[in-house]
């Protein structure tokens, strides 16, 4: 029982995931070294996969589309961000905002762990 309670205490929650993403956004150099949108995109993709491995399937593509980006099969969204003139810092912020929205959507119909 103690192990079950301990694992429940570490269960992913929208608040914890979003707080971590907001921390990443506020301290980009700490997480990415220099402000490099490609490095950030790879890091954030890994973050998304890590959350998926822990049972949280965030609808990233749908969140990107909800924020006005097109679903494409010819490359990552970073190309769209650059085509719209976003700097690396602004592109990183947008990638993080997309993930925040995706995680909000992932938890909309699920109660937060107690």
N, C-alpha and C. Protein backbone atom coordinates (compact mmCIF):
# COMPACT_ATOMS: atom_id res chain seq x y z
N UNK A 1 0.82 -1.20 0.00
CA UNK A 1 0.00 0.00 0.00
C UNK A 1 0.86 1.26 0.00
N UNK A 2 1.95 1.22 0.77
CA UNK A 2 2.82 2.39 0.83
C UNK A 2 3.40 2.73 -0.55
N UNK A 3 3.81 1.71 -1.31
CA UNK A 3 4.33 1.94 -2.66
C UNK A 3 3.29 2.54 -3.58
N UNK A 4 2.05 2.09 -3.46
CA UNK A 4 0.97 2.61 -4.28
C UNK A 4 0.72 4.08 -3.96
N UNK A 5 0.68 4.40 -2.68
CA UNK A 5 0.47 5.79 -2.26
C UNK A 5 1.62 6.66 -2.74
N UNK A 6 2.84 6.16 -2.63
CA UNK A 6 4.00 6.91 -3.08
C UNK A 6 3.95 7.16 -4.58
N UNK A 7 3.56 6.16 -5.37
CA UNK A 7 3.50 6.34 -6.81
C UNK A 7 2.36 7.28 -7.19
N UNK A 8 1.27 7.28 -6.43
CA UNK A 8 0.17 8.20 -6.71
C UNK A 8 0.60 9.63 -6.43
N UNK A 9 1.44 9.83 -5.43
CA UNK A 9 1.91 11.17 -5.10
C UNK A 9 2.77 11.74 -6.22
N UNK A 10 3.41 10.85 -6.98
CA UNK A 10 4.26 11.30 -8.08
C UNK A 10 3.53 11.26 -9.42
N UNK A 11 2.25 10.94 -9.42
CA UNK A 11 1.49 10.85 -10.67
C UNK A 11 1.50 12.21 -11.37
N UNK A 12 1.59 12.17 -12.70
CA UNK A 12 1.58 13.44 -13.44
C UNK A 12 0.27 14.19 -13.22
N UNK A 13 0.36 15.49 -13.14
CA UNK A 13 -0.83 16.32 -13.06
C UNK A 13 -0.64 17.51 -13.99
N UNK A 14 -1.73 18.04 -14.47
CA UNK A 14 -1.66 19.19 -15.37
C UNK A 14 -0.92 20.34 -14.69
N UNK A 15 -1.24 20.62 -13.45
CA UNK A 15 -0.61 21.74 -12.76
C UNK A 15 0.90 21.57 -12.68
N UNK A 16 1.36 20.36 -12.35
CA UNK A 16 2.80 20.12 -12.21
C UNK A 16 3.49 20.22 -13.56
N UNK A 17 2.91 19.63 -14.58
CA UNK A 17 3.52 19.66 -15.91
C UNK A 17 3.56 21.09 -16.44
N UNK A 18 2.46 21.80 -16.32
CA UNK A 18 2.39 23.18 -16.82
C UNK A 18 3.34 24.09 -16.04
N UNK A 19 3.43 23.91 -14.74
CA UNK A 19 4.36 24.71 -13.94
C UNK A 19 5.79 24.47 -14.41
N UNK A 20 6.11 23.24 -14.74
CA UNK A 20 7.46 22.94 -15.22
C UNK A 20 7.70 23.60 -16.58
N UNK A 21 6.72 23.54 -17.47
CA UNK A 21 6.85 24.20 -18.77
C UNK A 21 7.00 25.72 -18.61
N UNK A 22 6.26 26.30 -17.69
CA UNK A 22 6.39 27.74 -17.45
C UNK A 22 7.77 28.08 -16.89
N UNK A 23 8.31 27.19 -16.07
CA UNK A 23 9.66 27.38 -15.55
C UNK A 23 10.68 27.32 -16.69
N UNK A 24 10.50 26.38 -17.61
CA UNK A 24 11.37 26.28 -18.78
C UNK A 24 11.31 27.58 -19.59
N UNK A 25 10.11 28.07 -19.81
CA UNK A 25 9.92 29.30 -20.59
C UNK A 25 10.62 30.48 -19.93
N UNK A 26 10.55 30.56 -18.62
CA UNK A 26 11.13 31.68 -17.88
C UNK A 26 12.66 31.61 -17.80
N UNK A 27 13.21 30.39 -17.92
CA UNK A 27 14.66 30.22 -17.77
C UNK A 27 15.24 29.43 -18.95
N UNK A 28 14.98 29.91 -20.13
CA UNK A 28 15.43 29.21 -21.34
C UNK A 28 16.92 28.87 -21.32
N UNK A 29 17.81 29.80 -20.99
CA UNK A 29 19.23 29.47 -21.03
C UNK A 29 19.61 28.32 -20.09
N UNK A 30 18.92 28.20 -18.97
CA UNK A 30 19.21 27.11 -18.04
C UNK A 30 18.90 25.75 -18.68
N UNK A 31 17.87 25.69 -19.51
CA UNK A 31 17.45 24.43 -20.11
C UNK A 31 18.09 24.16 -21.46
N UNK A 32 18.35 25.21 -22.24
CA UNK A 32 18.81 25.02 -23.61
C UNK A 32 20.24 25.51 -23.85
N UNK A 33 20.85 26.13 -22.86
CA UNK A 33 22.16 26.73 -23.09
C UNK A 33 21.97 28.08 -23.74
N UNK A 34 22.10 28.12 -25.04
CA UNK A 34 21.83 29.37 -25.76
C UNK A 34 20.40 29.32 -26.29
N UNK A 35 19.90 30.44 -26.70
CA UNK A 35 18.53 30.51 -27.22
C UNK A 35 18.57 29.99 -28.66
N UNK A 36 18.24 28.71 -28.79
CA UNK A 36 18.32 28.00 -30.07
C UNK A 36 17.01 27.23 -30.24
N UNK A 37 16.19 27.67 -31.18
CA UNK A 37 14.86 27.07 -31.36
C UNK A 37 14.93 25.59 -31.72
N UNK A 38 15.93 25.19 -32.51
CA UNK A 38 16.04 23.77 -32.88
C UNK A 38 16.36 22.92 -31.66
N UNK A 39 17.28 23.37 -30.83
CA UNK A 39 17.61 22.63 -29.61
C UNK A 39 16.39 22.57 -28.69
N UNK A 40 15.69 23.68 -28.58
CA UNK A 40 14.49 23.72 -27.74
C UNK A 40 13.41 22.78 -28.27
N UNK A 41 13.25 22.75 -29.59
CA UNK A 41 12.26 21.86 -30.20
C UNK A 41 12.57 20.40 -29.87
N UNK A 42 13.85 20.04 -29.96
CA UNK A 42 14.25 18.66 -29.62
C UNK A 42 14.00 18.38 -28.14
N UNK A 43 14.37 19.32 -27.28
CA UNK A 43 14.16 19.16 -25.84
C UNK A 43 12.68 18.98 -25.53
N UNK A 44 11.85 19.85 -26.11
CA UNK A 44 10.42 19.81 -25.84
C UNK A 44 9.77 18.55 -26.41
N UNK A 45 10.29 18.07 -27.53
CA UNK A 45 9.80 16.79 -28.06
C UNK A 45 10.10 15.66 -27.08
N UNK A 46 11.30 15.69 -26.51
CA UNK A 46 11.66 14.70 -25.49
C UNK A 46 10.80 14.81 -24.25
N UNK A 47 10.49 16.04 -23.85
CA UNK A 47 9.61 16.27 -22.70
C UNK A 47 8.24 15.65 -22.96
N UNK A 48 7.72 15.87 -24.17
CA UNK A 48 6.42 15.32 -24.56
C UNK A 48 6.44 13.79 -24.54
N UNK A 49 7.51 13.20 -25.07
CA UNK A 49 7.65 11.75 -25.09
C UNK A 49 7.77 11.20 -23.67
N UNK A 50 8.51 11.90 -22.82
CA UNK A 50 8.64 11.47 -21.43
C UNK A 50 7.30 11.46 -20.71
N UNK A 51 6.50 12.50 -20.95
CA UNK A 51 5.16 12.54 -20.34
C UNK A 51 4.29 11.42 -20.89
N UNK A 52 4.41 11.16 -22.20
CA UNK A 52 3.65 10.05 -22.80
C UNK A 52 4.04 8.73 -22.15
N UNK A 53 5.33 8.55 -21.90
CA UNK A 53 5.81 7.32 -21.27
C UNK A 53 5.25 7.16 -19.85
N UNK A 54 4.88 8.28 -19.24
CA UNK A 54 4.30 8.25 -17.89
C UNK A 54 2.77 8.23 -17.92
N UNK A 55 2.21 8.04 -19.11
CA UNK A 55 0.76 7.88 -19.22
C UNK A 55 -0.02 9.12 -19.60
N UNK A 56 0.67 10.20 -19.99
CA UNK A 56 -0.04 11.43 -20.36
C UNK A 56 0.13 11.63 -21.87
N UNK A 57 -0.94 11.49 -22.59
CA UNK A 57 -0.92 11.65 -24.04
C UNK A 57 -1.50 13.02 -24.38
N UNK A 58 -0.64 13.99 -24.59
CA UNK A 58 -1.07 15.36 -24.87
C UNK A 58 -1.30 15.53 -26.37
N UNK A 59 -2.44 16.05 -26.77
CA UNK A 59 -2.76 16.22 -28.19
C UNK A 59 -2.03 17.43 -28.79
N UNK A 60 -0.75 17.26 -29.04
CA UNK A 60 0.12 18.35 -29.46
C UNK A 60 -0.31 18.93 -30.81
N UNK A 61 -0.58 18.08 -31.78
CA UNK A 61 -0.94 18.57 -33.11
C UNK A 61 -2.23 19.40 -33.04
N UNK A 62 -3.21 18.90 -32.31
CA UNK A 62 -4.48 19.61 -32.17
C UNK A 62 -4.27 20.96 -31.47
N UNK A 63 -3.39 20.98 -30.47
CA UNK A 63 -3.11 22.24 -29.77
C UNK A 63 -2.44 23.24 -30.71
N UNK A 64 -1.52 22.77 -31.53
CA UNK A 64 -0.85 23.66 -32.49
C UNK A 64 -1.88 24.22 -33.47
N UNK A 65 -2.78 23.38 -33.93
CA UNK A 65 -3.81 23.84 -34.86
C UNK A 65 -4.74 24.84 -34.18
N UNK A 66 -5.05 24.59 -32.92
CA UNK A 66 -5.92 25.50 -32.17
C UNK A 66 -5.28 26.88 -32.03
N UNK A 67 -3.96 26.90 -31.99
CA UNK A 67 -3.24 28.18 -31.88
C UNK A 67 -2.97 28.80 -33.25
N UNK A 68 -3.52 28.19 -34.31
CA UNK A 68 -3.44 28.80 -35.62
C UNK A 68 -2.39 28.24 -36.56
N UNK A 69 -1.70 27.18 -36.16
CA UNK A 69 -0.68 26.59 -37.01
C UNK A 69 -1.28 25.46 -37.82
N UNK A 70 -0.72 25.23 -38.98
CA UNK A 70 -1.25 24.22 -39.88
C UNK A 70 -0.65 22.85 -39.60
N UNK A 71 -1.48 21.83 -39.76
CA UNK A 71 -1.00 20.46 -39.67
C UNK A 71 -0.36 20.13 -41.02
N UNK A 72 0.92 19.79 -40.99
CA UNK A 72 1.59 19.46 -42.23
C UNK A 72 2.34 18.14 -42.08
N UNK A 73 2.56 17.51 -43.20
CA UNK A 73 3.34 16.27 -43.17
C UNK A 73 4.73 16.51 -43.74
N UNK A 74 5.05 17.75 -44.10
CA UNK A 74 6.32 18.01 -44.75
C UNK A 74 7.37 18.64 -43.85
N UNK A 75 7.18 18.60 -42.56
CA UNK A 75 8.21 19.13 -41.69
C UNK A 75 7.67 19.59 -40.36
N UNK A 76 8.59 19.90 -39.45
CA UNK A 76 8.18 20.32 -38.11
C UNK A 76 7.55 21.71 -38.11
N UNK A 77 6.84 22.00 -37.06
CA UNK A 77 6.17 23.29 -36.93
C UNK A 77 7.18 24.43 -36.85
N UNK A 78 8.38 24.14 -36.42
CA UNK A 78 9.40 25.18 -36.32
C UNK A 78 9.58 25.91 -37.65
N UNK A 79 9.46 25.20 -38.76
CA UNK A 79 9.57 25.84 -40.07
C UNK A 79 8.46 26.87 -40.27
N UNK A 80 7.26 26.56 -39.79
CA UNK A 80 6.16 27.53 -39.89
C UNK A 80 6.43 28.75 -39.02
N UNK A 81 6.95 28.53 -37.83
CA UNK A 81 7.24 29.64 -36.93
C UNK A 81 8.27 30.58 -37.56
N UNK A 82 9.29 30.01 -38.13
CA UNK A 82 10.32 30.83 -38.78
C UNK A 82 9.76 31.55 -40.00
N UNK A 83 8.91 30.86 -40.77
CA UNK A 83 8.32 31.49 -41.96
C UNK A 83 7.47 32.70 -41.59
N UNK A 84 6.95 32.69 -40.36
CA UNK A 84 6.16 33.83 -39.88
C UNK A 84 7.05 34.89 -39.21
N UNK A 85 8.35 34.71 -39.29
CA UNK A 85 9.28 35.72 -38.79
C UNK A 85 9.58 35.68 -37.31
N UNK A 86 9.21 34.61 -36.62
CA UNK A 86 9.49 34.53 -35.19
C UNK A 86 10.98 34.34 -34.96
N UNK A 87 11.50 35.09 -34.00
CA UNK A 87 12.89 34.90 -33.58
C UNK A 87 12.99 33.57 -32.84
N UNK A 88 14.21 33.12 -32.58
CA UNK A 88 14.36 31.86 -31.84
C UNK A 88 13.67 31.94 -30.48
N UNK A 89 13.83 33.06 -29.77
CA UNK A 89 13.19 33.21 -28.46
C UNK A 89 11.68 33.17 -28.56
N UNK A 90 11.12 33.86 -29.53
CA UNK A 90 9.67 33.86 -29.72
C UNK A 90 9.16 32.49 -30.17
N UNK A 91 9.94 31.82 -31.00
CA UNK A 91 9.55 30.47 -31.45
C UNK A 91 9.54 29.50 -30.27
N UNK A 92 10.53 29.61 -29.41
CA UNK A 92 10.57 28.75 -28.22
C UNK A 92 9.34 29.02 -27.35
N UNK A 93 9.02 30.28 -27.14
CA UNK A 93 7.84 30.63 -26.35
C UNK A 93 6.59 30.01 -26.96
N UNK A 94 6.46 30.06 -28.27
CA UNK A 94 5.27 29.50 -28.92
C UNK A 94 5.24 27.98 -28.80
N UNK A 95 6.39 27.33 -28.96
CA UNK A 95 6.44 25.88 -28.80
C UNK A 95 6.00 25.48 -27.39
N UNK A 96 6.42 26.24 -26.41
CA UNK A 96 6.03 25.96 -25.02
C UNK A 96 4.54 26.22 -24.83
N UNK A 97 4.03 27.31 -25.38
CA UNK A 97 2.60 27.60 -25.26
C UNK A 97 1.76 26.50 -25.90
N UNK A 98 2.22 25.96 -27.01
CA UNK A 98 1.51 24.85 -27.65
C UNK A 98 1.48 23.65 -26.71
N UNK A 99 2.61 23.35 -26.08
CA UNK A 99 2.63 22.21 -25.15
C UNK A 99 1.75 22.47 -23.94
N UNK A 100 1.76 23.68 -23.42
CA UNK A 100 0.90 23.99 -22.27
C UNK A 100 -0.57 23.74 -22.65
N UNK A 101 -0.97 24.22 -23.80
CA UNK A 101 -2.35 24.00 -24.25
C UNK A 101 -2.62 22.50 -24.43
N UNK A 102 -1.67 21.78 -25.01
CA UNK A 102 -1.85 20.34 -25.22
C UNK A 102 -2.04 19.61 -23.89
N UNK A 103 -1.26 19.98 -22.88
CA UNK A 103 -1.41 19.31 -21.58
C UNK A 103 -2.71 19.72 -20.89
N UNK A 104 -3.13 20.95 -21.06
CA UNK A 104 -4.45 21.34 -20.53
C UNK A 104 -5.53 20.47 -21.15
N UNK A 105 -5.46 20.29 -22.47
CA UNK A 105 -6.45 19.47 -23.16
C UNK A 105 -6.37 18.01 -22.71
N UNK A 106 -5.17 17.51 -22.47
CA UNK A 106 -4.99 16.13 -22.05
C UNK A 106 -5.67 15.85 -20.72
N UNK A 107 -5.73 16.85 -19.85
CA UNK A 107 -6.29 16.65 -18.51
C UNK A 107 -7.72 17.18 -18.38
N UNK A 108 -8.28 17.75 -19.44
CA UNK A 108 -9.62 18.35 -19.33
C UNK A 108 -10.67 17.39 -18.79
N UNK A 109 -10.67 16.18 -19.27
CA UNK A 109 -11.70 15.23 -18.88
C UNK A 109 -11.25 14.28 -17.78
N UNK A 110 -10.07 14.54 -17.22
CA UNK A 110 -9.54 13.66 -16.18
C UNK A 110 -9.45 14.43 -14.88
N UNK A 111 -9.88 13.86 -13.80
CA UNK A 111 -9.72 14.55 -12.52
C UNK A 111 -8.25 14.56 -12.11
N UNK A 112 -7.83 15.64 -11.48
CA UNK A 112 -6.46 15.72 -10.95
C UNK A 112 -6.32 14.71 -9.81
N UNK A 113 -5.12 14.10 -9.66
CA UNK A 113 -4.90 13.19 -8.54
C UNK A 113 -5.04 13.94 -7.21
N UNK A 114 -5.57 13.27 -6.24
CA UNK A 114 -5.76 13.91 -4.91
C UNK A 114 -4.47 14.01 -4.17
